[in-house]
Amino acid sequence: MLRSSFGKLVVALAIVGSVAWSAAQGTLIIAQGTDAVTLDPHNSTDSPTATVLSHIYETLYDLTPDGEIVPLLATGAEMSADGLTWTVTLREDVVFHNGAPLTAEVVKGSMERFIDPDLAHTFAFLLNRVEEIVVVDDYTVEFQLSSTFAPFLAHLTHNSTAIVHPDVVAEFGEDFSENPVGTGPFSLGEWMRGERLDLVRFEDYWGDKPGIEGVRFLTVPEDTTRMALVETGEAHVAVRVPPQDVARIDANPDVTVQNVSGLRTIYIYFNHQMEPFDDVRVRQALNYAVDKEEIAEFVFGGAVRPSDAPIAPAIFGYAPVGPYAFDPERARELLAEAGYADGLTIELWSPTGRYPQDIQVAQAIQGQLAAVGVTAEITSIDWAAYLVATAQPAEETYVPMALLGWGTVTGDADYGLYALFHSSQAPNPNRAFYSNATVDALLDQARTSPDVALRQQLYADAQQLIWDDAPWLFLYSESQVVAVRDNVDGFIIHPTERFLATDTSIR
């Protein structure tokens, strides 16, 4: 039976059934569309990588599937009266995969590596208010901040802040990204890039031991192959079920299709460093020219939600400020005002090997833009190369507009708005090179204010300005459509787009 959930952060799903699976002997097999890019959590930027890393590494705090921030490697945290110091206490029973203990000194070294400006980690902005990290004792560490910072604990749940051991980083050097040593319930077994990645249960894990011996992530970009694997039982889980396959797969007595709302927004950014996207009229025109409702229905079978804001509804701080109605006539008027009454040719980038519907979305947009005199020529390259191409600095940028997505995995608008729209974050992840001084000021104030109601208002004001500036072609927020064999218990489809096997067992 197909189960659906939209509009709110959803709970984890324990998938139950009655069919015994005869292969793998305790190894859960997950068919993903793409391989992990790196096994260094501080350098990870995509959800398939985050899924793998969440089994190997752990963060100080965790975001539960129902949106609660809870301690993980930490046991608690206290904020000083002036809001400038957070004192975090650690679990005393944690060891890394190499047997080394988790200590405050290790946490200090890991966090200092994460925020080191010379290393330029993509998500270092998450903790850019941290001025100093102080070891109080073996299991207590202080984070001293430059200003009050409302989303501090939320940001400690982000997988890129996971704790690595500084000695292991030093030991492996440039090869650290292929030799992970974490505190998580699984350790790396074997990684055959582009084919499979095997994890094995860590027997000295501090928490409840996993009910399976290991996890195998298969890299299967082709939709039909991925679906066939779960239907035949060669995989237990297949992610991103194509809309046209949902009914057939869900009718299989041994498989259930789950539809879980997520925190990801899909968009096409406009590069403000390049003509014609330095003109707001062109950016707005393309938003009016694209029928998002039609794309949601005919590409996704209604399983996505057309955007009415830069972030998804389940995120703290979300405010509905749109949508851009489908209005081809208004699009033509704006293009004419901008000097393109006779038409316009643009280059639209879309990745391969990421999501199965990427190219379909790009082609649908291509057709709709043609109706208003805009010729969109599609460029498509492999996902890993795509990330590099779209993150070039201002003096080298060459991608005019590109399809991307962003999951606000902390559940807080700061991560969804500051990262993508604050001018300081260009070119990565603010690939649009969007800059608005008023938006910057609103986002800066919202980061530092302890007043929840004020933060909500500040984010609403910022989103309205962003919407009017149209730095993106706003598209839709996603749900996760995943096929799971019915003999799998406790598999978690997390709203942050991670698929977690820690509590899984196979019958």
Foldseek 3Di string as FASTA:
>chain_A
DEDADDQAQDAWDWFFDDDFFDDDQQAAEEEELFAAPFLQLLQGDDFNNLQVNVQFFAFQWAQHSRGDIGGDQWHDWDADPQQFKIKTFGDFQFAKLVGHTDWLVQLQVLLCVSLVVVVPRQPNVLQVQFDHKAHPDGGMIMTGGVFHFQCNSLSRNRRSSTGAGPVLCVVQPVCCRVAGIHRGQWHWDDDDHPAKTKIAGRPSRPDDHFQGGIYMYGNHNDQVVLLVCCLVSVHQKYWAHWQVCQVVLCPRNFKHKYKFFAWKFKWKFFACLDPPLVDLLQLLLLLLLAAQVCCCCPRRVVQWFFDQWLTGSNFQLDDRQDDNHNDLVSSLVSCVVSPANQAEEEEEEFEGSHHPCRVVVVVSSQVSRVVNRYHYHYDYYHPVVVVVQLQDASVPHDHRMYIDMDGQLSSYCLSSDVCQADLVNPPVPVSNSHYDPLLNVLSVVLRRDNDSVSNSVSSNVSRNVCNSSNSISGHTGHIMIMMGGNQKTDWTCRSSRHIDRRHITGD
